[in-house]
PDB file of N, CA and C in Angstrom:
ATOM      1  N   GLN A   1      -1.632  25.441   6.397  1.00  0.00           N
ATOM      2  CA  GLN A   1      -1.015  24.061   6.049  1.00  0.00           C
ATOM      3  C   GLN A   1      -1.540  23.614   6.890  1.00  0.00           C
ATOM      4  N   VAL A   2      -2.432  21.934   6.736  1.00  0.00           N
ATOM      5  CA  VAL A   2      -2.830  21.116   7.513  1.00  0.00           C
ATOM      6  C   VAL A   2      -1.720  20.177   7.987  1.00  0.00           C
ATOM      7  N   GLN A   3      -1.728  19.757   9.277  1.00  0.00           N
ATOM      8  CA  GLN A   3      -0.952  18.541   9.388  1.00  0.00           C
ATOM      9  C   GLN A   3      -1.460  17.764  10.035  1.00  0.00           C
ATOM     10  N   LEU A   4      -1.182  16.510   9.760  1.00  0.00           N
ATOM     11  CA  LEU A   4      -1.682  15.308  10.160  1.00  0.00           C
ATOM     12  C   LEU A   4      -0.816  14.157  11.000  1.00  0.00           C
ATOM     13  N   VAL A   5      -1.432  13.813  12.240  1.00  0.00           N
ATOM     14  CA  VAL A   5      -0.890  12.937  12.862  1.00  0.00           C
ATOM     15  C   VAL A   5      -1.822  11.712  13.201  1.00  0.00           C
ATOM     16  N   GLU A   6      -0.939  10.572  13.003  1.00  0.00           N
ATOM     17  CA  GLU A   6      -2.179   9.151  13.057  1.00  0.00           C
ATOM     18  C   GLU A   6      -1.483   8.576  14.264  1.00  0.00           C
ATOM     19  N   SER A   7      -2.206   7.709  14.947  1.00  0.00           N
ATOM     20  CA  SER A   7      -1.817   7.404  15.998  1.00  0.00           C
ATOM     21  C   SER A   7      -2.550   5.865  16.140  1.00  0.00           C
ATOM     22  N   GLY A   8      -2.102   4.984  17.280  1.00  0.00           N
ATOM     23  CA  GLY A   8      -3.460   4.139  17.228  1.00  0.00           C
ATOM     24  C   GLY A   8      -3.065   2.561  16.569  1.00  0.00           C
ATOM     25  N   GLY A   9      -1.691   2.586  15.951  1.00  0.00           N
ATOM     26  CA  GLY A   9      -1.548   1.550  15.662  1.00  0.00           C
ATOM     27  C   GLY A   9      -0.606   0.334  16.544  1.00  0.00           C
ATOM     28  N   GLY A  10      -0.525  -1.296  15.802  1.00  0.00           N
ATOM     29  CA  GLY A  10       0.458  -1.883  16.820  1.00  0.00           C
ATOM     30  C   GLY A  10       0.092  -3.372  16.037  1.00  0.00           C
ATOM     31  N   LEU A  11       0.534  -3.881  17.384  1.00  0.00           N
ATOM     32  CA  LEU A  11       0.657  -5.187  17.163  1.00  0.00           C
ATOM     33  C   LEU A  11      -0.601  -5.876  17.557  1.00  0.00           C
ATOM     34  N   VAL A  12      -1.101  -7.105  16.843  1.00  0.00           N
ATOM     35  CA  VAL A  12      -2.626  -7.423  17.299  1.00  0.00           C
ATOM     36  C   VAL A  12      -2.809  -8.785  16.487  1.00  0.00           C
ATOM     37  N   GLN A  13      -3.181  -9.736  17.067  1.00  0.00           N
ATOM     38  CA  GLN A  13      -3.410 -11.242  16.220  1.00  0.00           C
ATOM     39  C   GLN A  13      -4.709 -11.100  15.595  1.00  0.00           C
ATOM     40  N   ALA A  14      -4.632 -12.014  14.775  1.00  0.00           N
ATOM     41  CA  ALA A  14      -5.835 -11.958  13.777  1.00  0.00           C
ATOM     42  C   ALA A  14      -6.872 -12.205  14.539  1.00  0.00           C
ATOM     43  N   GLY A  15      -8.075 -11.815  14.015  1.00  0.00           N
ATOM     44  CA  GLY A  15      -9.238 -11.716  14.735  1.00  0.00           C
ATOM     45  C   GLY A  15      -9.830 -10.316  15.412  1.00  0.00           C
ATOM     46  N   GLY A  16      -8.440  -9.587  15.736  1.00  0.00           N
ATOM     47  CA  GLY A  16      -8.512  -8.587  16.684  1.00  0.00           C
ATOM     48  C   GLY A  16      -8.923  -7.409  16.293  1.00  0.00           C
ATOM     49  N   SER A  17      -8.873  -6.271  17.119  1.00  0.00           N
ATOM     50  CA  SER A  17      -9.579  -4.961  16.651  1.00  0.00           C
ATOM     51  C   SER A  17      -8.501  -3.929  16.995  1.00  0.00           C
ATOM     52  N   LEU A  18      -8.499  -2.671  16.238  1.00  0.00           N
ATOM     53  CA  LEU A  18      -7.736  -1.691  16.643  1.00  0.00           C
ATOM     54  C   LEU A  18      -8.721  -0.495  16.137  1.00  0.00           C
ATOM     55  N   ARG A  19      -8.479   0.452  16.828  1.00  0.00           N
ATOM     56  CA  ARG A  19      -8.815   1.675  16.180  1.00  0.00           C
ATOM     57  C   ARG A  19      -7.671   2.903  16.209  1.00  0.00           C
ATOM     58  N   LEU A  20      -7.593   3.342  14.742  1.00  0.00           N
ATOM     59  CA  LEU A  20      -6.509   4.494  14.385  1.00  0.00           C
ATOM     60  C   LEU A  20      -7.212   5.685  14.722  1.00  0.00           C
ATOM     61  N   SER A  21      -6.506   6.865  15.009  1.00  0.00           N
ATOM     62  CA  SER A  21      -6.902   8.157  14.814  1.00  0.00           C
ATOM     63  C   SER A  21      -5.802   9.023  14.376  1.00  0.00           C
ATOM     64  N   CYS A  22      -6.366  10.491  13.652  1.00  0.00           N
ATOM     65  CA  CYS A  22      -5.870  10.806  13.184  1.00  0.00           C
ATOM     66  C   CYS A  22      -5.769  12.449  13.640  1.00  0.00           C
ATOM     67  N   ALA A  23      -5.082  12.719  13.718  1.00  0.00           N
ATOM     68  CA  ALA A  23      -5.572  14.358  14.774  1.00  0.00           C
ATOM     69  C   ALA A  23      -5.011  15.429  13.693  1.00  0.00           C
ATOM     70  N   ALA A  24      -5.645  16.022  13.257  1.00  0.00           N
ATOM     71  CA  ALA A  24      -5.717  17.406  12.112  1.00  0.00           C
ATOM     72  C   ALA A  24      -5.575  18.614  12.768  1.00  0.00           C
ATOM     73  N   SER A  25      -4.397  19.347  12.407  1.00  0.00           N
ATOM     74  CA  SER A  25      -4.048  20.674  12.558  1.00  0.00           C
ATOM     75  C   SER A  25      -4.407  21.729  11.729  1.00  0.00           C
ATOM     76  N   GLY A  26      -5.066  22.680  11.876  1.00  0.00           N
ATOM     77  CA  GLY A  26      -5.455  23.851  10.772  1.00  0.00           C
ATOM     78  C   GLY A  26      -6.674  23.838  10.607  1.00  0.00           C
ATOM     79  N   ARG A  27      -7.327  24.871   9.869  1.00  0.00           N
ATOM     80  CA  ARG A  27      -8.731  25.092   9.975  1.00  0.00           C
ATOM     81  C   ARG A  27      -9.492  24.474   8.511  1.00  0.00           C
ATOM     82  N   THR A  28      -8.960  23.843   8.093  1.00  0.00           N
ATOM     83  CA  THR A  28      -9.410  23.042   6.858  1.00  0.00           C
ATOM     84  C   THR A  28     -10.019  21.898   6.723  1.00  0.00           C
ATOM     85  N   PHE A  29      -9.873  21.246   8.173  1.00  0.00           N
ATOM     86  CA  PHE A  29      -9.999  20.015   7.886  1.00  0.00           C
ATOM     87  C   PHE A  29     -11.214  19.870   8.169  1.00  0.00           C
ATOM     88  N   SER A  30     -12.445  20.595   8.386  1.00  0.00           N
ATOM     89  CA  SER A  30     -13.874  20.756   8.817  1.00  0.00           C
ATOM     90  C   SER A  30     -14.470  20.514   7.416  1.00  0.00           C
ATOM     91  N   ASN A  31     -13.694  21.054   6.241  1.00  0.00           N
ATOM     92  CA  ASN A  31     -13.914  21.307   4.766  1.00  0.00           C
ATOM     93  C   ASN A  31     -13.269  20.023   4.155  1.00  0.00           C
ATOM     94  N   SER A  32     -12.575  19.679   4.245  1.00  0.00           N
ATOM     95  CA  SER A  32     -11.852  18.844   3.242  1.00  0.00           C
ATOM     96  C   SER A  32     -12.489  16.888   3.915  1.00  0.00           C
ATOM     97  N   ALA A  33     -12.619  16.605   2.578  1.00  0.00           N
ATOM     98  CA  ALA A  33     -12.685  14.903   2.633  1.00  0.00           C
ATOM     99  C   ALA A  33     -11.608  14.530   3.238  1.00  0.00           C
ATOM    100  N   MET A  34     -11.616  13.014   4.013  1.00  0.00           N
ATOM    101  CA  MET A  34     -10.466  12.580   4.478  1.00  0.00           C
ATOM    102  C   MET A  34     -10.631  11.035   3.939  1.00  0.00           C
ATOM    103  N   GLY A  35      -9.209  10.530   3.889  1.00  0.00           N
ATOM    104  CA  GLY A  35      -9.245   8.861   3.705  1.00  0.00           C
ATOM    105  C   GLY A  35      -8.008   8.620   4.305  1.00  0.00           C
ATOM    106  N   TRP A  36      -8.019   6.827   4.460  1.00  0.00           N
ATOM    107  CA  TRP A  36      -7.334   6.118   4.929  1.00  0.00           C
ATOM    108  C   TRP A  36      -6.617   5.410   3.523  1.00  0.00           C
ATOM    109  N   PHE A  37      -5.253   5.142   3.731  1.00  0.00           N
ATOM    110  CA  PHE A  37      -4.429   4.447   2.929  1.00  0.00           C
ATOM    111  C   PHE A  37      -3.613   3.542   3.772  1.00  0.00           C
ATOM    112  N   ARG A  38      -3.039   2.462   2.818  1.00  0.00           N
ATOM    113  CA  ARG A  38      -2.422   1.535   3.236  1.00  0.00           C
ATOM    114  C   ARG A  38      -1.104   1.216   2.324  1.00  0.00           C
ATOM    115  N   GLN A  39      -0.212   0.749   2.869  1.00  0.00           N
ATOM    116  CA  GLN A  39       1.072   0.776   2.111  1.00  0.00           C
ATOM    117  C   GLN A  39       1.809  -0.635   2.865  1.00  0.00           C
ATOM    118  N   ALA A  40       1.971  -1.780   2.188  1.00  0.00           N
ATOM    119  CA  ALA A  40       2.617  -3.113   2.913  1.00  0.00           C
ATOM    120  C   ALA A  40       3.908  -2.855   2.147  1.00  0.00           C
ATOM    121  N   PRO A  41       4.822  -3.710   2.627  1.00  0.00           N
ATOM    122  CA  PRO A  41       6.354  -3.715   2.336  1.00  0.00           C
ATOM    123  C   PRO A  41       6.333  -4.374   0.828  1.00  0.00           C
ATOM    124  N   GLY A  42       7.180  -3.673  -0.086  1.00  0.00           N
ATOM    125  CA  GLY A  42       7.157  -4.076  -1.607  1.00  0.00           C
ATOM    126  C   GLY A  42       5.710  -3.842  -2.514  1.00  0.00           C
ATOM    127  N   LYS A  43       4.885  -2.899  -1.931  1.00  0.00           N
ATOM    128  CA  LYS A  43       3.429  -3.082  -2.470  1.00  0.00           C
ATOM    129  C   LYS A  43       3.683  -1.734  -2.557  1.00  0.00           C
ATOM    130  N   GLU A  44       2.424  -1.165  -3.670  1.00  0.00           N
ATOM    131  CA  GLU A  44       2.233   0.024  -3.681  1.00  0.00           C
ATOM    132  C   GLU A  44       0.886   0.500  -2.881  1.00  0.00           C
ATOM    133  N   ARG A  45       1.312   1.865  -2.515  1.00  0.00           N
ATOM    134  CA  ARG A  45       0.134   2.466  -1.476  1.00  0.00           C
ATOM    135  C   ARG A  45      -1.551   2.511  -1.796  1.00  0.00           C
ATOM    136  N   GLU A  46      -2.361   1.719  -1.209  1.00  0.00           N
ATOM    137  CA  GLU A  46      -3.759   1.820  -1.889  1.00  0.00           C
ATOM    138  C   GLU A  46      -4.586   2.238  -0.706  1.00  0.00           C
ATOM    139  N   PHE A  47      -5.772   2.349  -1.514  1.00  0.00           N
ATOM    140  CA  PHE A  47      -7.375   2.872  -0.941  1.00  0.00           C
ATOM    141  C   PHE A  47      -7.731   1.894   0.255  1.00  0.00           C
ATOM    142  N   VAL A  48      -8.092   2.353   1.344  1.00  0.00           N
ATOM    143  CA  VAL A  48      -8.875   1.851   2.220  1.00  0.00           C
ATOM    144  C   VAL A  48     -10.076   2.164   2.595  1.00  0.00           C
ATOM    145  N   ALA A  49     -10.349   3.310   2.910  1.00  0.00           N
ATOM    146  CA  ALA A  49     -11.606   4.226   3.181  1.00  0.00           C
ATOM    147  C   ALA A  49     -11.541   5.460   2.849  1.00  0.00           C
ATOM    148  N   THR A  50     -12.673   6.255   2.530  1.00  0.00           N
ATOM    149  CA  THR A  50     -12.812   7.481   2.702  1.00  0.00           C
ATOM    150  C   THR A  50     -14.297   8.142   2.846  1.00  0.00           C
ATOM    151  N   ILE A  51     -14.135   9.410   3.789  1.00  0.00           N
ATOM    152  CA  ILE A  51     -15.271   9.984   4.202  1.00  0.00           C
ATOM    153  C   ILE A  51     -15.438  11.424   3.121  1.00  0.00           C
ATOM    154  N   THR A  52     -16.624  11.783   3.571  1.00  0.00           N
ATOM    155  CA  THR A  52     -16.849  13.214   2.937  1.00  0.00           C
ATOM    156  C   THR A  52     -16.737  14.272   4.101  1.00  0.00           C
ATOM    157  N   TRP A  53     -16.199  15.458   3.471  1.00  0.00           N
ATOM    158  CA  TRP A  53     -16.309  16.719   4.818  1.00  0.00           C
ATOM    159  C   TRP A  53     -17.126  16.523   5.515  1.00  0.00           C
ATOM    160  N   SER A  54     -18.548  16.029   5.393  1.00  0.00           N
ATOM    161  CA  SER A  54     -19.608  16.306   6.337  1.00  0.00           C
ATOM    162  C   SER A  54     -19.652  15.066   7.126  1.00  0.00           C
ATOM    163  N   GLY A  55     -19.374  13.856   6.789  1.00  0.00           N
ATOM    164  CA  GLY A  55     -19.368  12.563   7.037  1.00  0.00           C
ATOM    165  C   GLY A  55     -20.542  12.207   6.552  1.00  0.00           C
ATOM    166  N   SER A  56     -21.256  12.576   5.807  1.00  0.00           N
ATOM    167  CA  SER A  56     -22.236  11.677   5.404  1.00  0.00           C
ATOM    168  C   SER A  56     -22.523  10.734   4.678  1.00  0.00           C
ATOM    169  N   SER A  57     -21.444  10.556   3.829  1.00  0.00           N
ATOM    170  CA  SER A  57     -20.845   9.450   3.053  1.00  0.00           C
ATOM    171  C   SER A  57     -19.632   8.698   3.193  1.00  0.00           C
ATOM    172  N   THR A  58     -19.378   7.647   3.095  1.00  0.00           N
ATOM    173  CA  THR A  58     -18.445   6.888   3.059  1.00  0.00           C
ATOM    174  C   THR A  58     -18.272   5.878   2.056  1.00  0.00           C
ATOM    175  N   GLU A  59     -16.977   5.719   1.780  1.00  0.00           N
ATOM    176  CA  GLU A  59     -16.841   4.532   0.693  1.00  0.00           C
ATOM    177  C   GLU A  59     -15.618   3.478   1.030  1.00  0.00           C
ATOM    178  N   TYR A  60     -15.654   2.266   0.960  1.00  0.00           N
ATOM    179  CA  TYR A  60     -14.315   1.258   1.283  1.00  0.00           C
ATOM    180  C   TYR A  60     -13.859   0.352   0.338  1.00  0.00           C
ATOM    181  N   ALA A  61     -12.832   0.275   0.427  1.00  0.00           N
ATOM    182  CA  ALA A  61     -12.316  -0.944  -0.660  1.00  0.00           C
ATOM    183  C   ALA A  61     -13.019  -2.383  -0.088  1.00  0.00           C
ATOM    184  N   ALA A  62     -12.919  -2.914  -1.317  1.00  0.00           N
ATOM    185  CA  ALA A  62     -13.900  -4.082  -1.326  1.00  0.00           C
ATOM    186  C   ALA A  62     -13.222  -5.349  -0.285  1.00  0.00           C
ATOM    187  N   SER A  63     -11.941  -4.974  -0.035  1.00  0.00           N
ATOM    188  CA  SER A  63     -11.006  -5.901   0.818  1.00  0.00           C
ATOM    189  C   SER A  63     -11.454  -5.593   2.479  1.00  0.00           C
ATOM    190  N   VAL A  64     -11.849  -4.468   2.612  1.00  0.00           N
ATOM    191  CA  VAL A  64     -12.194  -4.241   4.401  1.00  0.00           C
ATOM    192  C   VAL A  64     -13.519  -3.800   4.320  1.00  0.00           C
ATOM    193  N   LYS A  65     -14.334  -4.042   3.463  1.00  0.00           N
ATOM    194  CA  LYS A  65     -15.630  -3.736   3.561  1.00  0.00           C
ATOM    195  C   LYS A  65     -16.657  -4.610   4.590  1.00  0.00           C
ATOM    196  N   GLY A  66     -17.140  -4.306   5.551  1.00  0.00           N
ATOM    197  CA  GLY A  66     -17.461  -4.903   6.773  1.00  0.00           C
ATOM    198  C   GLY A  66     -17.045  -5.289   7.935  1.00  0.00           C
ATOM    199  N   ARG A  67     -15.664  -4.817   7.547  1.00  0.00           N
ATOM    200  CA  ARG A  67     -14.844  -4.803   8.737  1.00  0.00           C
ATOM    201  C   ARG A  67     -14.415  -3.891   9.568  1.00  0.00           C
ATOM    202  N   PHE A  68     -14.220  -2.795   8.321  1.00  0.00           N
ATOM    203  CA  PHE A  68     -13.348  -1.386   8.808  1.00  0.00           C
ATOM    204  C   PHE A  68     -14.781  -0.044   9.042  1.00  0.00           C
ATOM    205  N   THR A  69     -14.453   0.434   9.742  1.00  0.00           N
ATOM    206  CA  THR A  69     -15.668   1.680   9.683  1.00  0.00           C
ATOM    207  C   THR A  69     -14.772   3.290   9.801  1.00  0.00           C
ATOM    208  N   ILE A  70     -14.802   3.862   8.930  1.00  0.00           N
ATOM    209  CA  ILE A  70     -14.315   5.275   9.024  1.00  0.00           C
ATOM    210  C   ILE A  70     -15.343   6.024   9.768  1.00  0.00           C
ATOM    211  N   SER A  71     -14.860   7.088  10.535  1.00  0.00           N
ATOM    212  CA  SER A  71     -15.671   8.057  10.905  1.00  0.00           C
ATOM    213  C   SER A  71     -14.624   9.280  11.103  1.00  0.00           C
ATOM    214  N   ARG A  72     -15.351  10.532  11.551  1.00  0.00           N
ATOM    215  CA  ARG A  72     -14.267  11.572  11.798  1.00  0.00           C
ATOM    216  C   ARG A  72     -15.645  12.561  12.877  1.00  0.00           C
ATOM    217  N   ASP A  73     -14.696  13.205  13.434  1.00  0.00           N
ATOM    218  CA  ASP A  73     -15.349  14.243  14.206  1.00  0.00           C
ATOM    219  C   ASP A  73     -14.734  15.566  14.269  1.00  0.00           C
ATOM    220  N   ASN A  74     -15.480  16.289  13.668  1.00  0.00           N
ATOM    221  CA  ASN A  74     -15.079  17.933  13.196  1.00  0.00           C
ATOM    222  C   ASN A  74     -14.676  18.583  13.997  1.00  0.00           C
ATOM    223  N   ALA A  75     -15.732  18.567  15.042  1.00  0.00           N
ATOM    224  CA  ALA A  75     -15.393  19.459  16.353  1.00  0.00           C
ATOM    225  C   ALA A  75     -13.845  19.087  17.046  1.00  0.00           C
ATOM    226  N   LYS A  76     -13.241  18.038  16.682  1.00  0.00           N
ATOM    227  CA  LYS A  76     -12.258  17.174  17.623  1.00  0.00           C
ATOM    228  C   LYS A  76     -11.125  17.351  16.315  1.00  0.00           C
ATOM    229  N   ASN A  77     -11.296  17.888  15.058  1.00  0.00           N
ATOM    230  CA  ASN A  77     -10.432  18.010  14.096  1.00  0.00           C
ATOM    231  C   ASN A  77      -9.974  16.371  14.297  1.00  0.00           C
ATOM    232  N   THR A  78     -10.236  15.362  14.283  1.00  0.00           N
ATOM    233  CA  THR A  78      -9.844  13.954  14.285  1.00  0.00           C
ATOM    234  C   THR A  78     -10.756  13.124  13.265  1.00  0.00           C
ATOM    235  N   LEU A  79     -10.005  12.065  12.611  1.00  0.00           N
ATOM    236  CA  LEU A  79     -10.186  11.185  11.876  1.00  0.00           C
ATOM    237  C   LEU A  79     -10.224   9.737  12.236  1.00  0.00           C
ATOM    238  N   TYR A  80     -10.820   9.066  12.201  1.00  0.00           N
ATOM    239  CA  TYR A  80     -11.011   7.517  12.892  1.00  0.00           C
ATOM    240  C   TYR A  80     -10.856   6.411  11.917  1.00  0.00           C
ATOM    241  N   LEU A  81     -10.219   5.148  12.620  1.00  0.00           N
ATOM    242  CA  LEU A  81     -10.596   4.245  11.398  1.00  0.00           C
ATOM    243  C   LEU A  81     -10.556   3.106  12.640  1.00  0.00           C
ATOM    244  N   GLN A  82     -12.152   2.499  12.700  1.00  0.00           N
ATOM    245  CA  GLN A  82     -12.035   1.253  13.523  1.00  0.00           C
ATOM    246  C   GLN A  82     -12.034  -0.136  12.697  1.00  0.00           C
ATOM    247  N   MET A  83     -10.651  -0.672  13.111  1.00  0.00           N
ATOM    248  CA  MET A  83     -10.532  -1.756  12.189  1.00  0.00           C
ATOM    249  C   MET A  83     -10.853  -3.544  13.319  1.00  0.00           C
ATOM    250  N   ASN A  84     -12.000  -3.756  12.854  1.00  0.00           N
ATOM    251  CA  ASN A  84     -12.000  -5.347  13.147  1.00  0.00           C
ATOM    252  C   ASN A  84     -12.140  -6.423  12.337  1.00  0.00           C
ATOM    253  N   SER A  85     -11.995  -7.694  13.124  1.00  0.00           N
ATOM    254  CA  SER A  85     -11.852  -9.038  12.483  1.00  0.00           C
ATOM    255  C   SER A  85     -10.345  -8.694  11.522  1.00  0.00           C
ATOM    256  N   LEU A  86      -9.296  -8.432  11.970  1.00  0.00           N
ATOM    257  CA  LEU A  86      -8.028  -8.071  11.315  1.00  0.00           C
ATOM    258  C   LEU A  86      -7.341  -9.472  10.977  1.00  0.00           C
ATOM    259  N   LYS A  87      -6.904  -9.302   9.760  1.00  0.00           N
ATOM    260  CA  LYS A  87      -6.363 -10.375   9.041  1.00  0.00           C
ATOM    261  C   LYS A  87      -4.888 -10.038   8.794  1.00  0.00           C
ATOM    262  N   PRO A  88      -4.067 -11.133   8.812  1.00  0.00           N
ATOM    263  CA  PRO A  88      -2.648 -10.667   8.558  1.00  0.00           C
ATOM    264  C   PRO A  88      -2.677  -9.781   7.039  1.00  0.00           C
ATOM    265  N   GLU A  89      -3.111  -9.877   6.007  1.00  0.00           N
ATOM    266  CA  GLU A  89      -2.926  -9.361   5.409  1.00  0.00           C
ATOM    267  C   GLU A  89      -3.420  -7.858   5.385  1.00  0.00           C
ATOM    268  N   ASP A  90      -3.912  -7.530   6.408  1.00  0.00           N
ATOM    269  CA  ASP A  90      -3.899  -5.947   6.773  1.00  0.00           C
ATOM    270  C   ASP A  90      -2.854  -5.321   7.263  1.00  0.00           C
ATOM    271  N   THR A  91      -1.831  -6.270   7.258  1.00  0.00           N
ATOM    272  CA  THR A  91      -0.479  -5.876   7.925  1.00  0.00           C
ATOM    273  C   THR A  91       0.407  -4.743   7.289  1.00  0.00           C
ATOM    274  N   ALA A  92       0.475  -3.456   7.492  1.00  0.00           N
ATOM    275  CA  ALA A  92       0.770  -2.456   6.789  1.00  0.00           C
ATOM    276  C   ALA A  92       1.072  -1.201   7.048  1.00  0.00           C
ATOM    277  N   VAL A  93       1.622  -0.175   6.948  1.00  0.00           N
ATOM    278  CA  VAL A  93       1.780   1.195   7.120  1.00  0.00           C
ATOM    279  C   VAL A  93       0.248   2.047   7.030  1.00  0.00           C
ATOM    280  N   TYR A  94      -0.251   2.555   7.863  1.00  0.00           N
ATOM    281  CA  TYR A  94      -1.520   3.391   7.758  1.00  0.00           C
ATOM    282  C   TYR A  94      -1.776   4.726   7.218  1.00  0.00           C
ATOM    283  N   TYR A  95      -1.913   5.362   6.599  1.00  0.00           N
ATOM    284  CA  TYR A  95      -1.747   6.914   6.381  1.00  0.00           C
ATOM    285  C   TYR A  95      -3.140   7.551   6.283  1.00  0.00           C
ATOM    286  N   CYS A  96      -2.993   8.251   6.795  1.00  0.00           N
ATOM    287  CA  CYS A  96      -4.582   9.277   6.897  1.00  0.00           C
ATOM    288  C   CYS A  96      -4.397  10.419   5.649  1.00  0.00           C
ATOM    289  N   ALA A  97      -5.528  10.557   5.348  1.00  0.00           N
ATOM    290  CA  ALA A  97      -4.855  12.313   3.962  1.00  0.00           C
ATOM    291  C   ALA A  97      -6.013  12.801   3.727  1.00  0.00           C
ATOM    292  N   GLY A  98      -6.083  14.025   3.495  1.00  0.00           N
ATOM    293  CA  GLY A  98      -6.960  15.203   3.639  1.00  0.00           C
ATOM    294  C   GLY A  98      -7.197  15.899   1.974  1.00  0.00           C
ATOM    295  N   SER A  99      -8.137  15.762   1.276  1.00  0.00           N
ATOM    296  CA  SER A  99      -8.344  16.165  -0.141  1.00  0.00           C
ATOM    297  C   SER A  99      -9.296  17.709   0.223  1.00  0.00           C
ATOM    298  N   ILE A 100      -8.725  19.076  -0.383  1.00  0.00           N
ATOM    299  CA  ILE A 100      -9.583  20.254  -0.221  1.00  0.00           C
ATOM    300  C   ILE A 100     -10.530  20.051  -1.109  1.00  0.00           C
ATOM    301  N   LEU A 101     -11.004  18.937  -2.038  1.00  0.00           N
ATOM    302  CA  LEU A 101     -12.076  18.605  -2.835  1.00  0.00           C
ATOM    303  C   LEU A 101     -13.516  18.543  -2.222  1.00  0.00           C
ATOM    304  N   GLY A 102     -13.235  18.163  -0.804  1.00  0.00           N
ATOM    305  CA  GLY A 102     -14.429  17.886  -0.048  1.00  0.00           C
ATOM    306  C   GLY A 102     -15.245  16.693  -0.197  1.00  0.00           C
ATOM    307  N   TYR A 103     -15.469  16.194  -1.600  1.00  0.00           N
ATOM    308  CA  TYR A 103     -15.960  14.852  -1.525  1.00  0.00           C
ATOM    309  C   TYR A 103     -14.909  13.728  -1.692  1.00  0.00           C
ATOM    310  N   GLY A 104     -15.304  12.288  -1.217  1.00  0.00           N
ATOM    311  CA  GLY A 104     -14.725  11.078  -0.854  1.00  0.00           C
ATOM    312  C   GLY A 104     -13.924  10.948  -2.216  1.00  0.00           C
ATOM    313  N   SER A 105     -12.640  10.124  -2.027  1.00  0.00           N
ATOM    314  CA  SER A 105     -12.021   9.767  -3.236  1.00  0.00           C
ATOM    315  C   SER A 105     -11.226   8.408  -3.156  1.00  0.00           C
ATOM    316  N   SER A 106     -11.186   7.594  -4.121  1.00  0.00           N
ATOM    317  CA  SER A 106     -10.106   6.469  -3.621  1.00  0.00           C
ATOM    318  C   SER A 106      -8.985   6.811  -4.447  1.00  0.00           C
ATOM    319  N   ARG A 107      -8.954   7.938  -4.976  1.00  0.00           N
ATOM    320  CA  ARG A 107      -7.626   8.142  -5.979  1.00  0.00           C
ATOM    321  C   ARG A 107      -6.689   8.826  -4.995  1.00  0.00           C
ATOM    322  N   LEU A 108      -5.253   8.733  -4.861  1.00  0.00           N
ATOM    323  CA  LEU A 108      -4.292   8.690  -4.199  1.00  0.00           C
ATOM    324  C   LEU A 108      -4.020  10.669  -4.555  1.00  0.00           C
ATOM    325  N   TYR A 109      -3.833  10.576  -5.952  1.00  0.00           N
ATOM    326  CA  TYR A 109      -3.611  12.006  -6.312  1.00  0.00           C
ATOM    327  C   TYR A 109      -4.456  13.151  -6.096  1.00  0.00           C
ATOM    328  N   GLU A 110      -5.744  12.913  -5.595  1.00  0.00           N
ATOM    329  CA  GLU A 110      -6.742  13.756  -5.369  1.00  0.00           C
ATOM    330  C   GLU A 110      -6.496  14.183  -3.732  1.00  0.00           C
ATOM    331  N   TYR A 111      -5.633  13.538  -3.309  1.00  0.00           N
ATOM    332  CA  TYR A 111      -5.276  14.037  -1.902  1.00  0.00           C
ATOM    333  C   TYR A 111      -4.024  15.157  -1.758  1.00  0.00           C
ATOM    334  N   ASP A 112      -4.567  16.108  -0.818  1.00  0.00           N
ATOM    335  CA  ASP A 112      -3.219  17.382  -0.576  1.00  0.00           C
ATOM    336  C   ASP A 112      -2.388  17.010   0.131  1.00  0.00           C
ATOM    337  N   TYR A 113      -2.884  16.641   1.422  1.00  0.00           N
ATOM    338  CA  TYR A 113      -1.836  16.485   2.244  1.00  0.00           C
ATOM    339  C   TYR A 113      -2.049  15.133   3.282  1.00  0.00           C
ATOM    340  N   TRP A 114      -0.923  14.581   3.889  1.00  0.00           N
ATOM    341  CA  TRP A 114      -0.876  12.937   4.085  1.00  0.00           C
ATOM    342  C   TRP A 114      -0.234  13.252   6.277  1.00  0.00           C
ATOM    343  N   GLY A 115      -0.466  12.240   6.398  1.00  0.00           N
ATOM    344  CA  GLY A 115       0.490  12.096   7.723  1.00  0.00           C
ATOM    345  C   GLY A 115       1.540  11.008   7.720  1.00  0.00           C
ATOM    346  N   GLN A 116       2.153  10.727   8.642  1.00  0.00           N
ATOM    347  CA  GLN A 116       3.694   9.983   8.424  1.00  0.00           C
ATOM    348  C   GLN A 116       3.062   8.784   8.553  1.00  0.00           C
ATOM    349  N   GLY A 117       2.170   8.053   9.114  1.00  0.00           N
ATOM    350  CA  GLY A 117       1.893   6.906   8.966  1.00  0.00           C
ATOM    351  C   GLY A 117       1.607   6.308  10.144  1.00  0.00           C
ATOM    352  N   THR A 118       1.203   4.953  10.690  1.00  0.00           N
ATOM    353  CA  THR A 118       1.413   4.424  11.509  1.00  0.00           C
ATOM    354  C   THR A 118       1.385   2.711  11.612  1.00  0.00           C
ATOM    355  N   GLN A 119       2.107   1.879  12.102  1.00  0.00           N
ATOM    356  CA  GLN A 119       2.345   0.549  11.669  1.00  0.00           C
ATOM    357  C   GLN A 119       1.089  -0.154  12.466  1.00  0.00           C
ATOM    358  N   VAL A 120       0.580  -1.012  11.545  1.00  0.00           N
ATOM    359  CA  VAL A 120      -0.468  -1.872  12.039  1.00  0.00           C
ATOM    360  C   VAL A 120       0.227  -3.512  11.690  1.00  0.00           C
ATOM    361  N   THR A 121       0.293  -4.402  12.270  1.00  0.00           N
ATOM    362  CA  THR A 121       0.928  -5.668  11.971  1.00  0.00           C
ATOM    363  C   THR A 121      -0.246  -6.789  12.880  1.00  0.00           C
ATOM    364  N   VAL A 122      -0.447  -7.475  11.888  1.00  0.00           N
ATOM    365  CA  VAL A 122      -1.534  -8.667  12.309  1.00  0.00           C
ATOM    366  C   VAL A 122      -0.862  -9.748  12.617  1.00  0.00           C
ATOM    367  N   SER A 123      -0.619 -10.411  13.412  1.00  0.00           N
ATOM    368  CA  SER A 123       0.006 -11.471  13.254  1.00  0.00           C
ATOM    369  C   SER A 123      -1.435 -13.210  13.229  1.00  0.00           C
ATOM    370  N   PRO A 124      -0.707 -14.186  12.428  1.00  0.00           N
ATOM    371  CA  PRO A 124      -1.242 -15.475  12.333  1.00  0.00           C
ATOM    372  C   PRO A 124      -2.025 -15.917  13.864  1.00  0.00           C
TER     373      PRO A 124
END
């Protein structure tokens, strides 16, 4: 069983930056594709970014491409999301998730385990 714990959320002004981390326990992290999703109040959870098990390939939602960067350190069992040029519409709870499929995916149902989420609030 893999457990995920997100950290790094907080309150930031528009234009600012945050780096989210997701610490994983368990041996399957390095074999799992990982993703970041977010959920704003009253909205469905949506895809943000994904990375393959090796880190060789990434994919981003159009709304964050060019501003966010997903990365991973398999030696540290940690996933990251560097968020730059933040906008008020980026305000949401951000979740990391893992997929035993190994390849990156934008589809929620292809993820097997989830963290509890970390709040990101961007003020105008």
